[in-house]
Amino acid sequence: MVFEAFNNGKKGPTTFCSKKCRERYQRRKIRNGKKFSYTCLNCNQEQFSYYQKRQFCNILCQTKYFGRRRKLGGSRMSRWKDRYRNDNDFKREHNQQGKKWRLNNSEKVKETARKIKQSNRLLVINHYSKENKCVCCGESNIKFLTIDHINNNGAEHRKQIKNDHLAGWLVRNNYPEGFQILCWNCNEGKKIYKICPHKGDTYV
């Protein structure tokens, strides 16, 4: 039986029944002395090798090439970021394309935002409550847990961060102090009575 998948997905006269047969064929081809020509990406000199996909003449050329790439701006993504940061026309065009894509894919955008919020919420709960439960009553159902401001300054803090999601703000600011995990009952009890009813019956 002949499988063409071991010929890099290309149909041709060279096919193999298994990966082992392909490796045997390559070793035999090397012993026969067949070499392939290539141009080194660092020194731009033509070289010859038994391996068809070789790109550098030695390890020194490879090290110099990637070191120079990092020094000149690195990867394609870093060059794109520099252009976006410095070229206003490119930035404006990219923003317009992004806005148009979001309008045409509103459901996908909403689903992605929902997943990000859920992921940030789980990260925050795991950080402020190592056992993932309410620090007051011990409620462990994660759907009942909320983020509480210890100093009762939630209204002021929400005005500062405006429309930002609280869990996302905590993750981006490296989990600052002053927050804890409570269940809905304990949180509302603390809001209304200034102290959770589990800790006392003090009324305002």
C-alpha atoms as a PDB file:
ATOM      1  CA  MET A   1       0.000   0.000   0.000  1.00  0.00           C
ATOM      2  CA  VAL A   2       1.261   3.490  -0.864  1.00  0.00           C
ATOM      3  CA  PHE A   3       0.643   6.571   1.261  1.00  0.00           C
ATOM      4  CA  GLU A   4       1.298   9.999  -0.206  1.00  0.00           C
ATOM      5  CA  ALA A   5       0.959  11.794   3.156  1.00  0.00           C
ATOM      6  CA  PHE A   6       4.613  11.088   3.902  1.00  0.00           C
ATOM      7  CA  ASN A   7       5.652  13.037   0.837  1.00  0.00           C
ATOM      8  CA  ASN A   8       4.850  16.356   2.538  1.00  0.00           C
ATOM      9  CA  GLY A   9       1.333  16.215   1.175  1.00  0.00           C
ATOM     10  CA  LYS A  10       2.466  16.465  -2.461  1.00  0.00           C
ATOM     11  CA  LYS A  11       1.710  13.977  -5.159  1.00  0.00           C
ATOM     12  CA  GLY A  12       4.719  12.785  -7.052  1.00  0.00           C
ATOM     13  CA  PRO A  13       6.879   9.830  -7.970  1.00  0.00           C
ATOM     14  CA  THR A  14       8.396   9.605  -4.465  1.00  0.00           C
ATOM     15  CA  THR A  15       5.863   8.005  -2.108  1.00  0.00           C
ATOM     16  CA  PHE A  16       6.356   5.839   0.958  1.00  0.00           C
ATOM     17  CA  CYS A  17       4.351   3.230   2.820  1.00  0.00           C
ATOM     18  CA  SER A  18       5.430   4.559   6.227  1.00  0.00           C
ATOM     19  CA  LYS A  19       7.504   7.202   7.966  1.00  0.00           C
ATOM     20  CA  LYS A  20      10.273   4.691   8.577  1.00  0.00           C
ATOM     21  CA  CYS A  21      10.562   3.992   4.843  1.00  0.00           C
ATOM     22  CA  ARG A  22      10.830   7.688   4.150  1.00  0.00           C
ATOM     23  CA  GLU A  23      13.682   8.056   6.677  1.00  0.00           C
ATOM     24  CA  ARG A  24      15.502   5.095   5.106  1.00  0.00           C
ATOM     25  CA  TYR A  25      15.154   6.697   1.689  1.00  0.00           C
ATOM     26  CA  GLN A  26      16.553  10.001   2.959  1.00  0.00           C
ATOM     27  CA  ARG A  27      19.557   8.296   4.570  1.00  0.00           C
ATOM     28  CA  ARG A  28      20.210   6.381   1.351  1.00  0.00           C
ATOM     29  CA  LYS A  29      19.991   9.599  -0.636  1.00  0.00           C
ATOM     30  CA  ILE A  30      22.587  11.188   1.662  1.00  0.00           C
ATOM     31  CA  ARG A  31      24.914   8.229   1.191  1.00  0.00           C
ATOM     32  CA  ASN A  32      24.596   8.604  -2.557  1.00  0.00           C
ATOM     33  CA  GLY A  33      26.115  12.067  -2.228  1.00  0.00           C
ATOM     34  CA  LYS A  34      23.234  14.155  -3.562  1.00  0.00           C
ATOM     35  CA  LYS A  35      23.442  17.750  -2.321  1.00  0.00           C
ATOM     36  CA  PHE A  36      21.062  20.694  -2.536  1.00  0.00           C
ATOM     37  CA  SER A  37      22.115  24.292  -3.052  1.00  0.00           C
ATOM     38  CA  TYR A  38      20.826  27.060  -0.748  1.00  0.00           C
ATOM     39  CA  THR A  39      21.699  30.639   0.190  1.00  0.00           C
ATOM     40  CA  CYS A  40      22.624  31.409   3.788  1.00  0.00           C
ATOM     41  CA  LEU A  41      20.274  34.022   5.281  1.00  0.00           C
ATOM     42  CA  ASN A  42      23.119  35.675   7.200  1.00  0.00           C
ATOM     43  CA  CYS A  43      26.130  35.827   4.868  1.00  0.00           C
ATOM     44  CA  ASN A  44      24.186  35.498   1.548  1.00  0.00           C
ATOM     45  CA  GLN A  45      26.653  32.947   0.228  1.00  0.00           C
ATOM     46  CA  GLU A  46      25.611  29.934  -1.779  1.00  0.00           C
ATOM     47  CA  GLN A  47      26.155  26.692   0.097  1.00  0.00           C
ATOM     48  CA  PHE A  48      25.428  23.012  -0.456  1.00  0.00           C
ATOM     49  CA  SER A  49      23.836  20.574   1.944  1.00  0.00           C
ATOM     50  CA  TYR A  50      22.321  17.111   2.010  1.00  0.00           C
ATOM     51  CA  TYR A  51      19.195  18.630   3.568  1.00  0.00           C
ATOM     52  CA  GLN A  52      16.848  20.542   1.319  1.00  0.00           C
ATOM     53  CA  LYS A  53      15.435  22.951   3.930  1.00  0.00           C
ATOM     54  CA  ARG A  54      18.672  24.221   5.431  1.00  0.00           C
ATOM     55  CA  GLN A  55      18.938  28.035   5.830  1.00  0.00           C
ATOM     56  CA  PHE A  56      22.302  28.730   7.517  1.00  0.00           C
ATOM     57  CA  CYS A  57      25.819  27.524   6.764  1.00  0.00           C
ATOM     58  CA  ASN A  58      26.664  27.074  10.488  1.00  0.00           C
ATOM     59  CA  ILE A  59      25.417  27.817  13.987  1.00  0.00           C
ATOM     60  CA  LEU A  60      27.374  31.095  14.133  1.00  0.00           C
ATOM     61  CA  CYS A  61      25.494  32.507  11.140  1.00  0.00           C
ATOM     62  CA  GLN A  62      22.212  31.458  12.696  1.00  0.00           C
ATOM     63  CA  THR A  63      23.058  33.195  16.007  1.00  0.00           C
ATOM     64  CA  LYS A  64      24.145  36.405  14.257  1.00  0.00           C
ATOM     65  CA  TYR A  65      21.026  36.454  12.084  1.00  0.00           C
ATOM     66  CA  PHE A  66      18.488  36.156  14.911  1.00  0.00           C
ATOM     67  CA  GLY A  67      20.506  38.521  17.127  1.00  0.00           C
ATOM     68  CA  ARG A  68      20.429  41.157  14.389  1.00  0.00           C
ATOM     69  CA  ARG A  69      16.685  40.651  13.944  1.00  0.00           C
ATOM     70  CA  ARG A  70      16.073  41.313  17.638  1.00  0.00           C
ATOM     71  CA  LYS A  71      18.318  44.389  17.516  1.00  0.00           C
ATOM     72  CA  LEU A  72      16.609  45.857  14.445  1.00  0.00           C
ATOM     73  CA  GLY A  73      13.098  45.515  15.803  1.00  0.00           C
ATOM     74  CA  GLY A  74      12.492  41.840  16.238  1.00  0.00           C
ATOM     75  CA  SER A  75       9.529  40.022  14.882  1.00  0.00           C
ATOM     76  CA  ARG A  76       6.846  41.037  12.439  1.00  0.00           C
ATOM     77  CA  MET A  77       4.460  41.805  15.298  1.00  0.00           C
ATOM     78  CA  SER A  78       6.891  44.230  16.965  1.00  0.00           C
ATOM     79  CA  ARG A  79       7.417  46.077  13.662  1.00  0.00           C
ATOM     80  CA  TRP A  80       3.642  46.291  13.250  1.00  0.00           C
ATOM     81  CA  LYS A  81       3.320  47.775  16.757  1.00  0.00           C
ATOM     82  CA  ASP A  82       5.979  50.406  15.989  1.00  0.00           C
ATOM     83  CA  ARG A  83       4.161  51.398  12.812  1.00  0.00           C
ATOM     84  CA  TYR A  84       0.805  51.548  14.605  1.00  0.00           C
ATOM     85  CA  ARG A  85       2.343  53.732  17.304  1.00  0.00           C
ATOM     86  CA  ASN A  86       4.100  56.190  14.960  1.00  0.00           C
ATOM     87  CA  ASP A  87       2.035  56.276  11.742  1.00  0.00           C
ATOM     88  CA  ASN A  88      -1.272  58.097  12.331  1.00  0.00           C
ATOM     89  CA  ASP A  89      -2.702  57.252   8.899  1.00  0.00           C
ATOM     90  CA  PHE A  90      -1.998  53.558   9.394  1.00  0.00           C
ATOM     91  CA  LYS A  91      -3.493  53.715  12.895  1.00  0.00           C
ATOM     92  CA  ARG A  92      -6.662  55.445  11.652  1.00  0.00           C
ATOM     93  CA  GLU A  93      -7.122  52.941   8.818  1.00  0.00           C
ATOM     94  CA  HIS A  94      -6.593  49.984  11.144  1.00  0.00           C
ATOM     95  CA  ASN A  95      -9.102  51.343  13.668  1.00  0.00           C
ATOM     96  CA  GLN A  96     -11.702  51.834  10.943  1.00  0.00           C
ATOM     97  CA  GLN A  97     -11.227  48.269   9.736  1.00  0.00           C
ATOM     98  CA  GLY A  98     -11.540  46.969  13.303  1.00  0.00           C
ATOM     99  CA  LYS A  99     -14.726  48.969  13.894  1.00  0.00           C
ATOM    100  CA  LYS A 100     -16.252  47.655  10.672  1.00  0.00           C
ATOM    101  CA  TRP A 101     -15.350  44.061  11.596  1.00  0.00           C
ATOM    102  CA  ARG A 102     -16.888  44.426  15.071  1.00  0.00           C
ATOM    103  CA  LEU A 103     -20.132  45.746  13.574  1.00  0.00           C
ATOM    104  CA  ASN A 104     -20.334  42.799  11.191  1.00  0.00           C
ATOM    105  CA  ASN A 105     -19.468  40.244  13.896  1.00  0.00           C
ATOM    106  CA  SER A 106     -21.308  41.623  16.925  1.00  0.00           C
ATOM    107  CA  GLU A 107     -22.311  38.202  18.278  1.00  0.00           C
ATOM    108  CA  LYS A 108     -18.734  36.933  18.169  1.00  0.00           C
ATOM    109  CA  VAL A 109     -17.508  40.108  19.906  1.00  0.00           C
ATOM    110  CA  LYS A 110     -20.099  39.714  22.688  1.00  0.00           C
ATOM    111  CA  GLU A 111     -19.222  36.050  23.198  1.00  0.00           C
ATOM    112  CA  THR A 112     -15.498  36.848  23.406  1.00  0.00           C
ATOM    113  CA  ALA A 113     -16.122  39.663  25.907  1.00  0.00           C
ATOM    114  CA  ARG A 114     -18.256  37.343  28.029  1.00  0.00           C
ATOM    115  CA  LYS A 115     -15.508  34.703  28.113  1.00  0.00           C
ATOM    116  CA  ILE A 116     -12.876  37.294  29.075  1.00  0.00           C
ATOM    117  CA  LYS A 117     -15.044  38.621  31.933  1.00  0.00           C
ATOM    118  CA  GLN A 118     -15.678  35.106  33.189  1.00  0.00           C
ATOM    119  CA  SER A 119     -11.976  34.249  33.039  1.00  0.00           C
ATOM    120  CA  ASN A 120     -10.993  37.438  34.919  1.00  0.00           C
ATOM    121  CA  ARG A 121     -13.640  36.762  37.573  1.00  0.00           C
ATOM    122  CA  LEU A 122     -12.250  33.272  38.195  1.00  0.00           C
ATOM    123  CA  LEU A 123      -8.705  34.644  38.436  1.00  0.00           C
ATOM    124  CA  VAL A 124      -9.760  37.243  40.994  1.00  0.00           C
ATOM    125  CA  ILE A 125     -11.702  34.738  43.105  1.00  0.00           C
ATOM    126  CA  ASN A 126      -8.774  32.341  43.083  1.00  0.00           C
ATOM    127  CA  HIS A 127      -6.365  35.099  44.160  1.00  0.00           C
ATOM    128  CA  TYR A 128      -8.352  36.669  46.997  1.00  0.00           C
ATOM    129  CA  SER A 129      -9.777  33.376  48.266  1.00  0.00           C
ATOM    130  CA  LYS A 130      -7.343  30.489  47.975  1.00  0.00           C
ATOM    131  CA  GLU A 131     -10.076  27.946  48.760  1.00  0.00           C
ATOM    132  CA  ASN A 132     -12.605  29.638  46.401  1.00  0.00           C
ATOM    133  CA  LYS A 133     -15.223  30.289  49.074  1.00  0.00           C
ATOM    134  CA  CYS A 134     -16.806  33.138  51.016  1.00  0.00           C
ATOM    135  CA  VAL A 135     -14.451  34.368  53.737  1.00  0.00           C
ATOM    136  CA  CYS A 136     -17.442  34.929  56.072  1.00  0.00           C
ATOM    137  CA  CYS A 137     -19.853  31.998  55.813  1.00  0.00           C
ATOM    138  CA  GLY A 138     -17.791  29.559  53.713  1.00  0.00           C
ATOM    139  CA  GLU A 139     -20.165  29.391  50.720  1.00  0.00           C
ATOM    140  CA  SER A 140     -18.260  27.478  48.009  1.00  0.00           C
ATOM    141  CA  ASN A 141     -20.659  27.656  45.053  1.00  0.00           C
ATOM    142  CA  ILE A 142     -18.736  29.925  42.728  1.00  0.00           C
ATOM    143  CA  LYS A 143     -21.933  31.316  41.161  1.00  0.00           C
ATOM    144  CA  PHE A 144     -22.840  32.916  44.522  1.00  0.00           C
ATOM    145  CA  LEU A 145     -19.460  34.600  45.104  1.00  0.00           C
ATOM    146  CA  THR A 146     -18.820  38.312  44.581  1.00  0.00           C
ATOM    147  CA  ILE A 147     -15.974  40.806  44.989  1.00  0.00           C
ATOM    148  CA  ASP A 148     -16.303  43.036  48.056  1.00  0.00           C
ATOM    149  CA  HIS A 149     -14.550  46.295  49.020  1.00  0.00           C
ATOM    150  CA  ILE A 150     -13.268  45.757  52.558  1.00  0.00           C
ATOM    151  CA  ASN A 151     -13.382  49.492  53.430  1.00  0.00           C
ATOM    152  CA  ASN A 152     -16.946  49.947  52.077  1.00  0.00           C
ATOM    153  CA  ASN A 153     -15.729  52.396  49.410  1.00  0.00           C
ATOM    154  CA  GLY A 154     -17.226  50.576  46.438  1.00  0.00           C
ATOM    155  CA  ALA A 155     -19.240  53.564  45.145  1.00  0.00           C
ATOM    156  CA  GLU A 156     -16.184  55.837  45.114  1.00  0.00           C
ATOM    157  CA  HIS A 157     -14.033  53.207  43.463  1.00  0.00           C
ATOM    158  CA  ARG A 158     -16.598  52.521  40.735  1.00  0.00           C
ATOM    159  CA  LYS A 159     -16.653  56.252  39.903  1.00  0.00           C
ATOM    160  CA  GLN A 160     -12.871  56.185  39.523  1.00  0.00           C
ATOM    161  CA  ILE A 161     -12.755  53.217  37.150  1.00  0.00           C
ATOM    162  CA  LYS A 162     -15.960  54.430  35.398  1.00  0.00           C
ATOM    163  CA  ASN A 163     -17.340  51.730  33.072  1.00  0.00           C
ATOM    164  CA  ASP A 164     -14.410  49.339  33.519  1.00  0.00           C
ATOM    165  CA  HIS A 165     -15.211  45.800  34.664  1.00  0.00           C
ATOM    166  CA  LEU A 166     -14.063  45.385  38.279  1.00  0.00           C
ATOM    167  CA  ALA A 167     -12.497  41.941  37.836  1.00  0.00           C
ATOM    168  CA  GLY A 168     -10.603  43.050  34.726  1.00  0.00           C
ATOM    169  CA  TRP A 169      -9.358  46.169  36.543  1.00  0.00           C
ATOM    170  CA  LEU A 170      -8.049  44.048  39.419  1.00  0.00           C
ATOM    171  CA  VAL A 171      -6.188  41.714  37.060  1.00  0.00           C
ATOM    172  CA  ARG A 172      -4.584  44.587  35.106  1.00  0.00           C
ATOM    173  CA  ASN A 173      -3.515  46.341  38.324  1.00  0.00           C
ATOM    174  CA  ASN A 174      -1.875  43.239  39.794  1.00  0.00           C
ATOM    175  CA  TYR A 175      -4.495  42.464  42.460  1.00  0.00           C
ATOM    176  CA  PRO A 176      -4.260  45.435  44.862  1.00  0.00           C
ATOM    177  CA  GLU A 177      -5.174  45.125  48.535  1.00  0.00           C
ATOM    178  CA  GLY A 178      -8.517  46.143  49.965  1.00  0.00           C
ATOM    179  CA  PHE A 179     -10.731  43.459  48.410  1.00  0.00           C
ATOM    180  CA  GLN A 180     -12.164  40.144  49.562  1.00  0.00           C
ATOM    181  CA  ILE A 181     -14.530  37.433  48.356  1.00  0.00           C
ATOM    182  CA  LEU A 182     -18.026  37.265  49.852  1.00  0.00           C
ATOM    183  CA  CYS A 183     -21.218  35.532  48.823  1.00  0.00           C
ATOM    184  CA  TRP A 184     -24.219  37.619  47.749  1.00  0.00           C
ATOM    185  CA  ASN A 185     -25.932  37.283  51.150  1.00  0.00           C
ATOM    186  CA  CYS A 186     -22.907  38.419  53.131  1.00  0.00           C
ATOM    187  CA  ASN A 187     -22.180  41.222  50.684  1.00  0.00           C
ATOM    188  CA  GLU A 188     -25.728  42.603  50.786  1.00  0.00           C
ATOM    189  CA  GLY A 189     -25.891  42.148  54.547  1.00  0.00           C
ATOM    190  CA  LYS A 190     -22.703  44.131  54.952  1.00  0.00           C
ATOM    191  CA  LYS A 191     -24.050  46.804  52.596  1.00  0.00           C
ATOM    192  CA  ILE A 192     -27.335  47.240  54.471  1.00  0.00           C
ATOM    193  CA  TYR A 193     -26.263  46.723  58.106  1.00  0.00           C
ATOM    194  CA  LYS A 194     -22.598  47.835  57.807  1.00  0.00           C
ATOM    195  CA  ILE A 195     -21.662  44.441  59.227  1.00  0.00           C
ATOM    196  CA  CYS A 196     -22.529  40.949  58.043  1.00  0.00           C
ATOM    197  CA  PRO A 197     -25.405  39.394  60.093  1.00  0.00           C
ATOM    198  CA  HIS A 198     -23.226  36.301  60.538  1.00  0.00           C
ATOM    199  CA  LYS A 199     -20.908  38.400  62.729  1.00  0.00           C
ATOM    200  CA  GLY A 200     -23.525  40.258  64.768  1.00  0.00           C
ATOM    201  CA  ASP A 201     -26.955  41.872  64.841  1.00  0.00           C
ATOM    202  CA  THR A 202     -25.782  45.469  64.795  1.00  0.00           C
ATOM    203  CA  TYR A 203     -28.216  47.743  62.936  1.00  0.00           C
ATOM    204  CA  VAL A 204     -27.601  51.234  61.638  1.00  0.00           C
END
